[in-house]
Amino acid sequence: MDADVDFVQGYYFGRPAEALKIKSVETCTLMRLCEQFKNASAEESKAQEARIAAHIFEFRACVAALQADVPFEYACAEFVRRASVAQCYLLNRNAGQIGRNLTSSSSAAKVDPGFLPL
């Protein structure tokens, strides 16, 4: 539904059959599910926008500092101190990383053991 695809698979609405059987109950069920999905999706989008908006000011400050030739480590130091920021890194025009990652001290303590060197 999120991809604007009108395809429902499985036995939720009925079993496969040779002829299409449209019943008002199934139609109402599908409409109700679509409405629930739309509402949940809208709420999720608003929450995500709010989470991102909280970082916009600090991110723009990083960009301004980098444009003023402030070294990356200093330009992004405040940004990476935010509790919700795990890492910060700089990319070139070809999406290649420049330098090392800046890792927040809070996320450094929570390293997933699956990503540790063998």
PDB file of N, CA and C in Angstrom:
ATOM      1  N   MET A   1       0.822  -1.185   0.000  1.00  0.00           N
ATOM      2  CA  MET A   1       0.000   0.000   0.000  1.00  0.00           C
ATOM      3  C   MET A   1       0.867   1.250   0.000  1.00  0.00           C
ATOM      4  N   ASP A   2       1.996   1.183   0.678  1.00  0.00           N
ATOM      5  CA  ASP A   2       2.871   2.336   0.764  1.00  0.00           C
ATOM      6  C   ASP A   2       3.471   2.666  -0.600  1.00  0.00           C
ATOM      7  N   ALA A   3       3.593   1.667  -1.473  1.00  0.00           N
ATOM      8  CA  ALA A   3       4.165   1.870  -2.798  1.00  0.00           C
ATOM      9  C   ALA A   3       3.084   2.109  -3.850  1.00  0.00           C
ATOM     10  N   ASP A   4       1.861   2.406  -3.410  1.00  0.00           N
ATOM     11  CA  ASP A   4       0.732   2.606  -4.311  1.00  0.00           C
ATOM     12  C   ASP A   4       0.468   1.377  -5.179  1.00  0.00           C
ATOM     13  N   VAL A   5       0.637   0.217  -4.624  1.00  0.00           N
ATOM     14  CA  VAL A   5       0.369  -1.031  -5.323  1.00  0.00           C
ATOM     15  C   VAL A   5      -0.936  -1.598  -4.799  1.00  0.00           C
ATOM     16  N   ASP A   6      -1.834  -1.884  -5.685  1.00  0.00           N
ATOM     17  CA  ASP A   6      -3.143  -2.405  -5.287  1.00  0.00           C
ATOM     18  C   ASP A   6      -3.146  -3.920  -5.433  1.00  0.00           C
ATOM     19  N   PHE A   7      -2.383  -4.591  -4.620  1.00  0.00           N
ATOM     20  CA  PHE A   7      -2.280  -6.044  -4.684  1.00  0.00           C
ATOM     21  C   PHE A   7      -2.246  -6.592  -3.269  1.00  0.00           C
ATOM     22  N   VAL A   8      -3.123  -7.493  -2.983  1.00  0.00           N
ATOM     23  CA  VAL A   8      -3.162  -8.112  -1.667  1.00  0.00           C
ATOM     24  C   VAL A   8      -2.990  -9.609  -1.875  1.00  0.00           C
ATOM     25  N   GLN A   9      -2.021 -10.185  -1.200  1.00  0.00           N
ATOM     26  CA  GLN A   9      -1.715 -11.590  -1.369  1.00  0.00           C
ATOM     27  C   GLN A   9      -2.101 -12.353  -0.119  1.00  0.00           C
ATOM     28  N   GLY A  10      -2.494 -13.578  -0.295  1.00  0.00           N
ATOM     29  CA  GLY A  10      -2.788 -14.431   0.839  1.00  0.00           C
ATOM     30  C   GLY A  10      -4.272 -14.700   0.963  1.00  0.00           C
ATOM     31  N   TYR A  11      -4.661 -15.244   2.095  1.00  0.00           N
ATOM     32  CA  TYR A  11      -6.033 -15.670   2.321  1.00  0.00           C
ATOM     33  C   TYR A  11      -6.816 -14.711   3.207  1.00  0.00           C
ATOM     34  N   TYR A  12      -6.316 -13.503   3.425  1.00  0.00           N
ATOM     35  CA  TYR A  12      -7.009 -12.579   4.308  1.00  0.00           C
ATOM     36  C   TYR A  12      -8.408 -12.241   3.785  1.00  0.00           C
ATOM     37  N   PHE A  13      -8.511 -12.038   2.478  1.00  0.00           N
ATOM     38  CA  PHE A  13      -9.795 -11.648   1.889  1.00  0.00           C
ATOM     39  C   PHE A  13     -10.529 -12.816   1.246  1.00  0.00           C
ATOM     40  N   GLY A  14      -9.874 -13.917   1.083  1.00  0.00           N
ATOM     41  CA  GLY A  14     -10.541 -15.080   0.489  1.00  0.00           C
ATOM     42  C   GLY A  14      -9.554 -15.987  -0.185  1.00  0.00           C
ATOM     43  N   ARG A  15     -10.040 -17.151  -0.538  1.00  0.00           N
ATOM     44  CA  ARG A  15      -9.217 -18.153  -1.213  1.00  0.00           C
ATOM     45  C   ARG A  15      -9.216 -17.905  -2.718  1.00  0.00           C
ATOM     46  N   PRO A  16      -8.169 -18.373  -3.409  1.00  0.00           N
ATOM     47  CA  PRO A  16      -8.158 -18.237  -4.865  1.00  0.00           C
ATOM     48  C   PRO A  16      -9.382 -18.937  -5.472  1.00  0.00           C
ATOM     49  N   ALA A  17      -9.963 -18.332  -6.496  1.00  0.00           N
ATOM     50  CA  ALA A  17     -11.135 -18.905  -7.155  1.00  0.00           C
ATOM     51  C   ALA A  17     -11.108 -18.536  -8.630  1.00  0.00           C
ATOM     52  N   GLU A  18     -11.860 -19.309  -9.421  1.00  0.00           N
ATOM     53  CA  GLU A  18     -11.920 -19.048 -10.856  1.00  0.00           C
ATOM     54  C   GLU A  18     -12.637 -17.743 -11.163  1.00  0.00           C
ATOM     55  N   ALA A  19     -13.666 -17.433 -10.418  1.00  0.00           N
ATOM     56  CA  ALA A  19     -14.439 -16.219 -10.659  1.00  0.00           C
ATOM     57  C   ALA A  19     -14.239 -15.246  -9.497  1.00  0.00           C
ATOM     58  N   LEU A  20     -14.247 -13.984  -9.827  1.00  0.00           N
ATOM     59  CA  LEU A  20     -14.097 -12.949  -8.820  1.00  0.00           C
ATOM     60  C   LEU A  20     -15.391 -12.826  -8.027  1.00  0.00           C
ATOM     61  N   LYS A  21     -15.275 -12.946  -6.730  1.00  0.00           N
ATOM     62  CA  LYS A  21     -16.444 -12.830  -5.861  1.00  0.00           C
ATOM     63  C   LYS A  21     -16.281 -11.574  -5.015  1.00  0.00           C
ATOM     64  N   ILE A  22     -17.043 -10.566  -5.335  1.00  0.00           N
ATOM     65  CA  ILE A  22     -16.949  -9.309  -4.592  1.00  0.00           C
ATOM     66  C   ILE A  22     -18.092  -9.262  -3.600  1.00  0.00           C
ATOM     67  N   LYS A  23     -17.737  -9.152  -2.362  1.00  0.00           N
ATOM     68  CA  LYS A  23     -18.724  -9.021  -1.304  1.00  0.00           C
ATOM     69  C   LYS A  23     -18.489  -7.693  -0.616  1.00  0.00           C
ATOM     70  N   SER A  24     -19.528  -7.079  -0.175  1.00  0.00           N
ATOM     71  CA  SER A  24     -19.390  -5.775   0.458  1.00  0.00           C
ATOM     72  C   SER A  24     -18.572  -5.858   1.735  1.00  0.00           C
ATOM     73  N   VAL A  25     -18.608  -7.004   2.426  1.00  0.00           N
ATOM     74  CA  VAL A  25     -17.837  -7.149   3.658  1.00  0.00           C
ATOM     75  C   VAL A  25     -16.349  -7.061   3.359  1.00  0.00           C
ATOM     76  N   GLU A  26     -15.882  -7.769   2.316  1.00  0.00           N
ATOM     77  CA  GLU A  26     -14.463  -7.724   1.950  1.00  0.00           C
ATOM     78  C   GLU A  26     -14.070  -6.330   1.485  1.00  0.00           C
ATOM     79  N   THR A  27     -14.940  -5.696   0.724  1.00  0.00           N
ATOM     80  CA  THR A  27     -14.654  -4.349   0.243  1.00  0.00           C
ATOM     81  C   THR A  27     -14.516  -3.381   1.419  1.00  0.00           C
ATOM     82  N   CYS A  28     -15.420  -3.483   2.383  1.00  0.00           N
ATOM     83  CA  CYS A  28     -15.350  -2.623   3.569  1.00  0.00           C
ATOM     84  C   CYS A  28     -14.087  -2.907   4.374  1.00  0.00           C
ATOM     85  N   THR A  29     -13.733  -4.181   4.481  1.00  0.00           N
ATOM     86  CA  THR A  29     -12.524  -4.567   5.214  1.00  0.00           C
ATOM     87  C   THR A  29     -11.295  -3.956   4.560  1.00  0.00           C
ATOM     88  N   LEU A  30     -11.212  -4.066   3.241  1.00  0.00           N
ATOM     89  CA  LEU A  30     -10.068  -3.500   2.525  1.00  0.00           C
ATOM     90  C   LEU A  30     -10.033  -1.984   2.682  1.00  0.00           C
ATOM     91  N   MET A  31     -11.162  -1.338   2.564  1.00  0.00           N
ATOM     92  CA  MET A  31     -11.202   0.123   2.717  1.00  0.00           C
ATOM     93  C   MET A  31     -10.792   0.527   4.130  1.00  0.00           C
ATOM     94  N   ARG A  32     -11.229  -0.224   5.127  1.00  0.00           N
ATOM     95  CA  ARG A  32     -10.875   0.074   6.516  1.00  0.00           C
ATOM     96  C   ARG A  32      -9.371  -0.108   6.720  1.00  0.00           C
ATOM     97  N   LEU A  33      -8.815  -1.198   6.178  1.00  0.00           N
ATOM     98  CA  LEU A  33      -7.382  -1.438   6.310  1.00  0.00           C
ATOM     99  C   LEU A  33      -6.564  -0.353   5.605  1.00  0.00           C
ATOM    100  N   CYS A  34      -7.017   0.056   4.426  1.00  0.00           N
ATOM    101  CA  CYS A  34      -6.312   1.126   3.704  1.00  0.00           C
ATOM    102  C   CYS A  34      -6.343   2.426   4.498  1.00  0.00           C
ATOM    103  N   GLU A  35      -7.461   2.733   5.087  1.00  0.00           N
ATOM    104  CA  GLU A  35      -7.585   3.952   5.895  1.00  0.00           C
ATOM    105  C   GLU A  35      -6.692   3.890   7.132  1.00  0.00           C
ATOM    106  N   GLN A  36      -6.664   2.719   7.786  1.00  0.00           N
ATOM    107  CA  GLN A  36      -5.803   2.551   8.961  1.00  0.00           C
ATOM    108  C   GLN A  36      -4.339   2.718   8.572  1.00  0.00           C
ATOM    109  N   PHE A  37      -3.968   2.130   7.433  1.00  0.00           N
ATOM    110  CA  PHE A  37      -2.588   2.244   6.971  1.00  0.00           C
ATOM    111  C   PHE A  37      -2.247   3.695   6.666  1.00  0.00           C
ATOM    112  N   LYS A  38      -3.149   4.387   5.993  1.00  0.00           N
ATOM    113  CA  LYS A  38      -2.919   5.789   5.648  1.00  0.00           C
ATOM    114  C   LYS A  38      -2.712   6.626   6.895  1.00  0.00           C
ATOM    115  N   ASN A  39      -3.532   6.418   7.906  1.00  0.00           N
ATOM    116  CA  ASN A  39      -3.408   7.182   9.157  1.00  0.00           C
ATOM    117  C   ASN A  39      -2.108   6.852   9.880  1.00  0.00           C
ATOM    118  N   ALA A  40      -1.769   5.562   9.957  1.00  0.00           N
ATOM    119  CA  ALA A  40      -0.534   5.157  10.624  1.00  0.00           C
ATOM    120  C   ALA A  40       0.681   5.694   9.879  1.00  0.00           C
ATOM    121  N   SER A  41       0.628   5.648   8.569  1.00  0.00           N
ATOM    122  CA  SER A  41       1.734   6.141   7.754  1.00  0.00           C
ATOM    123  C   SER A  41       1.922   7.641   7.934  1.00  0.00           C
ATOM    124  N   ALA A  42       0.818   8.389   7.992  1.00  0.00           N
ATOM    125  CA  ALA A  42       0.898   9.836   8.186  1.00  0.00           C
ATOM    126  C   ALA A  42       1.497  10.169   9.549  1.00  0.00           C
ATOM    127  N   GLU A  43       1.087   9.437  10.578  1.00  0.00           N
ATOM    128  CA  GLU A  43       1.637   9.662  11.919  1.00  0.00           C
ATOM    129  C   GLU A  43       3.129   9.359  11.954  1.00  0.00           C
ATOM    130  N   GLU A  44       3.523   8.275  11.298  1.00  0.00           N
ATOM    131  CA  GLU A  44       4.935   7.900  11.263  1.00  0.00           C
ATOM    132  C   GLU A  44       5.758   8.957  10.529  1.00  0.00           C
ATOM    133  N   SER A  45       5.225   9.486   9.434  1.00  0.00           N
ATOM    134  CA  SER A  45       5.924  10.530   8.680  1.00  0.00           C
ATOM    135  C   SER A  45       6.099  11.796   9.513  1.00  0.00           C
ATOM    136  N   LYS A  46       5.059  12.189  10.247  1.00  0.00           N
ATOM    137  CA  LYS A  46       5.153  13.376  11.096  1.00  0.00           C
ATOM    138  C   LYS A  46       6.196  13.188  12.192  1.00  0.00           C
ATOM    139  N   ALA A  47       6.220  12.003  12.786  1.00  0.00           N
ATOM    140  CA  ALA A  47       7.199  11.728  13.846  1.00  0.00           C
ATOM    141  C   ALA A  47       8.618  11.765  13.287  1.00  0.00           C
ATOM    142  N   GLN A  48       8.810  11.201  12.096  1.00  0.00           N
ATOM    143  CA  GLN A  48      10.134  11.203  11.490  1.00  0.00           C
ATOM    144  C   GLN A  48      10.566  12.627  11.138  1.00  0.00           C
ATOM    145  N   GLU A  49       9.655  13.427  10.614  1.00  0.00           N
ATOM    146  CA  GLU A  49       9.973  14.820  10.304  1.00  0.00           C
ATOM    147  C   GLU A  49      10.370  15.583  11.562  1.00  0.00           C
ATOM    148  N   ALA A  50       9.696  15.317  12.667  1.00  0.00           N
ATOM    149  CA  ALA A  50      10.031  15.982  13.930  1.00  0.00           C
ATOM    150  C   ALA A  50      11.422  15.574  14.407  1.00  0.00           C
ATOM    151  N   ARG A  51      11.759  14.284  14.273  1.00  0.00           N
ATOM    152  CA  ARG A  51      13.094  13.818  14.679  1.00  0.00           C
ATOM    153  C   ARG A  51      14.174  14.469  13.827  1.00  0.00           C
ATOM    154  N   ILE A  52      13.930  14.581  12.543  1.00  0.00           N
ATOM    155  CA  ILE A  52      14.920  15.181  11.645  1.00  0.00           C
ATOM    156  C   ILE A  52      15.032  16.679  11.890  1.00  0.00           C
ATOM    157  N   ALA A  53      13.907  17.343  12.100  1.00  0.00           N
ATOM    158  CA  ALA A  53      13.910  18.794  12.315  1.00  0.00           C
ATOM    159  C   ALA A  53      14.758  19.184  13.517  1.00  0.00           C
ATOM    160  N   ALA A  54      14.824  18.316  14.496  1.00  0.00           N
ATOM    161  CA  ALA A  54      15.620  18.612  15.689  1.00  0.00           C
ATOM    162  C   ALA A  54      17.108  18.725  15.359  1.00  0.00           C
ATOM    163  N   HIS A  55      17.538  18.162  14.245  1.00  0.00           N
ATOM    164  CA  HIS A  55      18.960  18.164  13.878  1.00  0.00           C
ATOM    165  C   HIS A  55      19.316  19.211  12.822  1.00  0.00           C
ATOM    166  N   ILE A  56      18.328  19.816  12.196  1.00  0.00           N
ATOM    167  CA  ILE A  56      18.587  20.713  11.068  1.00  0.00           C
ATOM    168  C   ILE A  56      19.502  21.880  11.448  1.00  0.00           C
ATOM    169  N   PHE A  57      19.223  22.542  12.555  1.00  0.00           N
ATOM    170  CA  PHE A  57      20.016  23.711  12.952  1.00  0.00           C
ATOM    171  C   PHE A  57      21.486  23.330  13.137  1.00  0.00           C
ATOM    172  N   GLU A  58      21.741  22.252  13.889  1.00  0.00           N
ATOM    173  CA  GLU A  58      23.125  21.835  14.136  1.00  0.00           C
ATOM    174  C   GLU A  58      23.806  21.374  12.850  1.00  0.00           C
ATOM    175  N   PHE A  59      23.052  20.703  11.987  1.00  0.00           N
ATOM    176  CA  PHE A  59      23.628  20.241  10.727  1.00  0.00           C
ATOM    177  C   PHE A  59      24.037  21.436   9.857  1.00  0.00           C
ATOM    178  N   ARG A  60      23.177  22.423   9.795  1.00  0.00           N
ATOM    179  CA  ARG A  60      23.508  23.621   9.011  1.00  0.00           C
ATOM    180  C   ARG A  60      24.712  24.352   9.596  1.00  0.00           C
ATOM    181  N   ALA A  61      24.847  24.329  10.900  1.00  0.00           N
ATOM    182  CA  ALA A  61      26.019  24.931  11.541  1.00  0.00           C
ATOM    183  C   ALA A  61      27.285  24.180  11.129  1.00  0.00           C
ATOM    184  N   CYS A  62      27.207  22.871  11.032  1.00  0.00           N
ATOM    185  CA  CYS A  62      28.351  22.067  10.560  1.00  0.00           C
ATOM    186  C   CYS A  62      28.733  22.471   9.142  1.00  0.00           C
ATOM    187  N   VAL A  63      27.742  22.572   8.281  1.00  0.00           N
ATOM    188  CA  VAL A  63      27.994  22.933   6.884  1.00  0.00           C
ATOM    189  C   VAL A  63      28.645  24.308   6.792  1.00  0.00           C
ATOM    190  N   ALA A  64      28.126  25.277   7.536  1.00  0.00           N
ATOM    191  CA  ALA A  64      28.690  26.632   7.512  1.00  0.00           C
ATOM    192  C   ALA A  64      30.134  26.628   7.995  1.00  0.00           C
ATOM    193  N   ALA A  65      30.413  25.866   9.040  1.00  0.00           N
ATOM    194  CA  ALA A  65      31.789  25.799   9.557  1.00  0.00           C
ATOM    195  C   ALA A  65      32.722  25.152   8.538  1.00  0.00           C
ATOM    196  N   LEU A  66      32.259  24.082   7.892  1.00  0.00           N
ATOM    197  CA  LEU A  66      33.081  23.422   6.870  1.00  0.00           C
ATOM    198  C   LEU A  66      33.344  24.359   5.692  1.00  0.00           C
ATOM    199  N   GLN A  67      32.334  25.136   5.310  1.00  0.00           N
ATOM    200  CA  GLN A  67      32.509  26.103   4.216  1.00  0.00           C
ATOM    201  C   GLN A  67      33.474  27.207   4.607  1.00  0.00           C
ATOM    202  N   ALA A  68      33.626  27.454   5.900  1.00  0.00           N
ATOM    203  CA  ALA A  68      34.573  28.458   6.388  1.00  0.00           C
ATOM    204  C   ALA A  68      35.934  27.834   6.668  1.00  0.00           C
ATOM    205  N   ASP A  69      36.148  26.623   6.172  1.00  0.00           N
ATOM    206  CA  ASP A  69      37.425  25.897   6.298  1.00  0.00           C
ATOM    207  C   ASP A  69      37.782  25.504   7.724  1.00  0.00           C
ATOM    208  N   VAL A  70      36.784  25.359   8.577  1.00  0.00           N
ATOM    209  CA  VAL A  70      37.021  24.811   9.918  1.00  0.00           C
ATOM    210  C   VAL A  70      37.255  23.309   9.751  1.00  0.00           C
ATOM    211  N   PRO A  71      38.260  22.733  10.398  1.00  0.00           N
ATOM    212  CA  PRO A  71      38.496  21.295  10.276  1.00  0.00           C
ATOM    213  C   PRO A  71      37.260  20.487  10.689  1.00  0.00           C
ATOM    214  N   PHE A  72      37.058  19.388   9.991  1.00  0.00           N
ATOM    215  CA  PHE A  72      35.879  18.541  10.175  1.00  0.00           C
ATOM    216  C   PHE A  72      35.624  18.189  11.638  1.00  0.00           C
ATOM    217  N   GLU A  73      36.661  17.779  12.365  1.00  0.00           N
ATOM    218  CA  GLU A  73      36.507  17.365  13.756  1.00  0.00           C
ATOM    219  C   GLU A  73      35.920  18.483  14.626  1.00  0.00           C
ATOM    220  N   TYR A  74      36.299  19.712  14.342  1.00  0.00           N
ATOM    221  CA  TYR A  74      35.803  20.854  15.114  1.00  0.00           C
ATOM    222  C   TYR A  74      34.439  21.325  14.596  1.00  0.00           C
ATOM    223  N   ALA A  75      34.282  21.297  13.283  1.00  0.00           N
ATOM    224  CA  ALA A  75      33.039  21.776  12.679  1.00  0.00           C
ATOM    225  C   ALA A  75      31.837  20.946  13.121  1.00  0.00           C
ATOM    226  N   CYS A  76      32.046  19.658  13.347  1.00  0.00           N
ATOM    227  CA  CYS A  76      30.936  18.758  13.672  1.00  0.00           C
ATOM    228  C   CYS A  76      30.952  18.259  15.115  1.00  0.00           C
ATOM    229  N   ALA A  77      31.804  18.825  15.940  1.00  0.00           N
ATOM    230  CA  ALA A  77      31.935  18.354  17.321  1.00  0.00           C
ATOM    231  C   ALA A  77      30.627  18.468  18.099  1.00  0.00           C
ATOM    232  N   GLU A  78      29.940  19.599  18.009  1.00  0.00           N
ATOM    233  CA  GLU A  78      28.670  19.778  18.733  1.00  0.00           C
ATOM    234  C   GLU A  78      27.594  18.838  18.197  1.00  0.00           C
ATOM    235  N   PHE A  79      27.564  18.677  16.899  1.00  0.00           N
ATOM    236  CA  PHE A  79      26.551  17.823  16.262  1.00  0.00           C
ATOM    237  C   PHE A  79      26.675  16.380  16.742  1.00  0.00           C
ATOM    238  N   VAL A  80      27.891  15.880  16.791  1.00  0.00           N
ATOM    239  CA  VAL A  80      28.101  14.474  17.163  1.00  0.00           C
ATOM    240  C   VAL A  80      27.908  14.250  18.664  1.00  0.00           C
ATOM    241  N   ARG A  81      27.815  15.307  19.446  1.00  0.00           N
ATOM    242  CA  ARG A  81      27.545  15.176  20.880  1.00  0.00           C
ATOM    243  C   ARG A  81      26.075  14.918  21.183  1.00  0.00           C
ATOM    244  N   ARG A  82      25.201  15.142  20.207  1.00  0.00           N
ATOM    245  CA  ARG A  82      23.770  14.875  20.422  1.00  0.00           C
ATOM    246  C   ARG A  82      23.572  13.394  20.710  1.00  0.00           C
ATOM    247  N   ALA A  83      22.697  13.107  21.640  1.00  0.00           N
ATOM    248  CA  ALA A  83      22.472  11.716  22.047  1.00  0.00           C
ATOM    249  C   ALA A  83      21.962  10.853  20.904  1.00  0.00           C
ATOM    250  N   SER A  84      21.232  11.432  19.974  1.00  0.00           N
ATOM    251  CA  SER A  84      20.656  10.639  18.889  1.00  0.00           C
ATOM    252  C   SER A  84      21.563  10.541  17.658  1.00  0.00           C
ATOM    253  N   VAL A  85      22.739  11.157  17.702  1.00  0.00           N
ATOM    254  CA  VAL A  85      23.679  11.066  16.585  1.00  0.00           C
ATOM    255  C   VAL A  85      24.739  10.031  16.936  1.00  0.00           C
ATOM    256  N   ALA A  86      24.835   9.011  16.098  1.00  0.00           N
ATOM    257  CA  ALA A  86      25.797   7.938  16.349  1.00  0.00           C
ATOM    258  C   ALA A  86      27.152   8.247  15.712  1.00  0.00           C
ATOM    259  N   GLN A  87      27.130   8.694  14.454  1.00  0.00           N
ATOM    260  CA  GLN A  87      28.364   8.969  13.736  1.00  0.00           C
ATOM    261  C   GLN A  87      28.169  10.148  12.808  1.00  0.00           C
ATOM    262  N   CYS A  88      29.265  10.746  12.435  1.00  0.00           N
ATOM    263  CA  CYS A  88      29.263  11.827  11.468  1.00  0.00           C
ATOM    264  C   CYS A  88      30.461  11.584  10.555  1.00  0.00           C
ATOM    265  N   TYR A  89      30.250  11.725   9.258  1.00  0.00           N
ATOM    266  CA  TYR A  89      31.342  11.531   8.315  1.00  0.00           C
ATOM    267  C   TYR A  89      31.153  12.472   7.138  1.00  0.00           C
ATOM    268  N   LEU A  90      32.228  12.719   6.438  1.00  0.00           N
ATOM    269  CA  LEU A  90      32.246  13.670   5.342  1.00  0.00           C
ATOM    270  C   LEU A  90      32.470  12.922   4.034  1.00  0.00           C
ATOM    271  N   LEU A  91      31.665  13.256   3.011  1.00  0.00           N
ATOM    272  CA  LEU A  91      31.785  12.622   1.699  1.00  0.00           C
ATOM    273  C   LEU A  91      32.212  13.648   0.657  1.00  0.00           C
ATOM    274  N   ASN A  92      32.944  13.172  -0.343  1.00  0.00           N
ATOM    275  CA  ASN A  92      33.293  14.051  -1.459  1.00  0.00           C
ATOM    276  C   ASN A  92      32.193  14.006  -2.515  1.00  0.00           C
ATOM    277  N   ARG A  93      32.408  14.676  -3.628  1.00  0.00           N
ATOM    278  CA  ARG A  93      31.391  14.748  -4.687  1.00  0.00           C
ATOM    279  C   ARG A  93      31.054  13.376  -5.274  1.00  0.00           C
ATOM    280  N   ASN A  94      31.960  12.438  -5.179  1.00  0.00           N
ATOM    281  CA  ASN A  94      31.747  11.099  -5.732  1.00  0.00           C
ATOM    282  C   ASN A  94      31.269  10.113  -4.667  1.00  0.00           C
ATOM    283  N   ALA A  95      30.816  10.616  -3.544  1.00  0.00           N
ATOM    284  CA  ALA A  95      30.309   9.819  -2.424  1.00  0.00           C
ATOM    285  C   ALA A  95      31.393   8.958  -1.772  1.00  0.00           C
ATOM    286  N   GLY A  96      32.633   9.356  -1.937  1.00  0.00           N
ATOM    287  CA  GLY A  96      33.732   8.686  -1.246  1.00  0.00           C
ATOM    288  C   GLY A  96      33.990   9.385   0.077  1.00  0.00           C
ATOM    289  N   GLN A  97      34.268   8.616   1.098  1.00  0.00           N
ATOM    290  CA  GLN A  97      34.478   9.209   2.417  1.00  0.00           C
ATOM    291  C   GLN A  97      35.812   9.928   2.484  1.00  0.00           C
ATOM    292  N   ILE A  98      35.791  11.101   3.122  1.00  0.00           N
ATOM    293  CA  ILE A  98      36.998  11.894   3.345  1.00  0.00           C
ATOM    294  C   ILE A  98      37.334  11.780   4.825  1.00  0.00           C
ATOM    295  N   GLY A  99      38.485  11.256   5.124  1.00  0.00           N
ATOM    296  CA  GLY A  99      38.917  11.160   6.524  1.00  0.00           C
ATOM    297  C   GLY A  99      38.190  10.071   7.294  1.00  0.00           C
ATOM    298  N   ARG A 100      38.216  10.221   8.615  1.00  0.00           N
ATOM    299  CA  ARG A 100      37.648   9.197   9.490  1.00  0.00           C
ATOM    300  C   ARG A 100      36.262   9.603   9.980  1.00  0.00           C
ATOM    301  N   ASN A 101      35.561   8.644  10.555  1.00  0.00           N
ATOM    302  CA  ASN A 101      34.265   8.922  11.170  1.00  0.00           C
ATOM    303  C   ASN A 101      34.465   9.649  12.487  1.00  0.00           C
ATOM    304  N   LEU A 102      33.521  10.508  12.818  1.00  0.00           N
ATOM    305  CA  LEU A 102      33.424  11.040  14.172  1.00  0.00           C
ATOM    306  C   LEU A 102      32.339  10.213  14.841  1.00  0.00           C
ATOM    307  N   THR A 103      32.662   9.596  15.941  1.00  0.00           N
ATOM    308  CA  THR A 103      31.704   8.742  16.638  1.00  0.00           C
ATOM    309  C   THR A 103      31.370   9.377  17.976  1.00  0.00           C
ATOM    310  N   SER A 104      30.077   9.423  18.278  1.00  0.00           N
ATOM    311  CA  SER A 104      29.676  10.018  19.552  1.00  0.00           C
ATOM    312  C   SER A 104      30.123   9.126  20.693  1.00  0.00           C
ATOM    313  N   SER A 105      30.427   9.741  21.819  1.00  0.00           N
ATOM    314  CA  SER A 105      30.875   8.956  22.970  1.00  0.00           C
ATOM    315  C   SER A 105      29.761   8.054  23.475  1.00  0.00           C
ATOM    316  N   SER A 106      28.505   8.473  23.338  1.00  0.00           N
ATOM    317  CA  SER A 106      27.397   7.631  23.806  1.00  0.00           C
ATOM    318  C   SER A 106      27.218   6.410  22.922  1.00  0.00           C
ATOM    319  N   SER A 107      27.407   6.550  21.609  1.00  0.00           N
ATOM    320  CA  SER A 107      27.239   5.392  20.733  1.00  0.00           C
ATOM    321  C   SER A 107      28.481   4.511  20.731  1.00  0.00           C
ATOM    322  N   ALA A 108      29.650   5.079  21.031  1.00  0.00           N
ATOM    323  CA  ALA A 108      30.868   4.278  21.066  1.00  0.00           C
ATOM    324  C   ALA A 108      30.795   3.219  22.150  1.00  0.00           C
ATOM    325  N   ALA A 109      30.093   3.531  23.240  1.00  0.00           N
ATOM    326  CA  ALA A 109      29.962   2.577  24.326  1.00  0.00           C
ATOM    327  C   ALA A 109      28.958   1.467  23.997  1.00  0.00           C
ATOM    328  N   LYS A 110      28.130   1.666  22.976  1.00  0.00           N
ATOM    329  CA  LYS A 110      27.102   0.700  22.620  1.00  0.00           C
ATOM    330  C   LYS A 110      27.426  -0.030  21.320  1.00  0.00           C
ATOM    331  N   VAL A 111      28.668  -0.341  21.092  1.00  0.00           N
ATOM    332  CA  VAL A 111      29.075  -1.006  19.860  1.00  0.00           C
ATOM    333  C   VAL A 111      28.452  -2.393  19.798  1.00  0.00           C
ATOM    334  N   ASP A 112      27.823  -2.679  18.677  1.00  0.00           N
ATOM    335  CA  ASP A 112      27.235  -4.007  18.459  1.00  0.00           C
ATOM    336  C   ASP A 112      28.377  -4.999  18.316  1.00  0.00           C
ATOM    337  N   PRO A 113      28.402  -6.052  19.146  1.00  0.00           N
ATOM    338  CA  PRO A 113      29.496  -7.017  19.074  1.00  0.00           C
ATOM    339  C   PRO A 113      29.616  -7.688  17.717  1.00  0.00           C
ATOM    340  N   GLY A 114      28.553  -7.702  16.943  1.00  0.00           N
ATOM    341  CA  GLY A 114      28.613  -8.291  15.607  1.00  0.00           C
ATOM    342  C   GLY A 114      29.494  -7.523  14.651  1.00  0.00           C
ATOM    343  N   PHE A 115      29.811  -6.267  14.980  1.00  0.00           N
ATOM    344  CA  PHE A 115      30.644  -5.447  14.097  1.00  0.00           C
ATOM    345  C   PHE A 115      32.075  -5.305  14.615  1.00  0.00           C
ATOM    346  N   LEU A 116      32.402  -5.993  15.695  1.00  0.00           N
ATOM    347  CA  LEU A 116      33.761  -5.936  16.227  1.00  0.00           C
ATOM    348  C   LEU A 116      34.687  -6.774  15.351  1.00  0.00           C
ATOM    349  N   PRO A 117      35.974  -6.414  15.302  1.00  0.00           N
ATOM    350  CA  PRO A 117      36.924  -7.224  14.516  1.00  0.00           C
ATOM    351  C   PRO A 117      36.990  -8.646  15.057  1.00  0.00           C
ATOM    352  N   LEU A 118      37.274  -9.573  14.173  1.00  0.00           N
ATOM    353  CA  LEU A 118      37.371 -10.983  14.581  1.00  0.00           C
ATOM    354  C   LEU A 118      38.666 -11.269  15.288  1.00  0.00           C
TER     355      LEU A 118
END
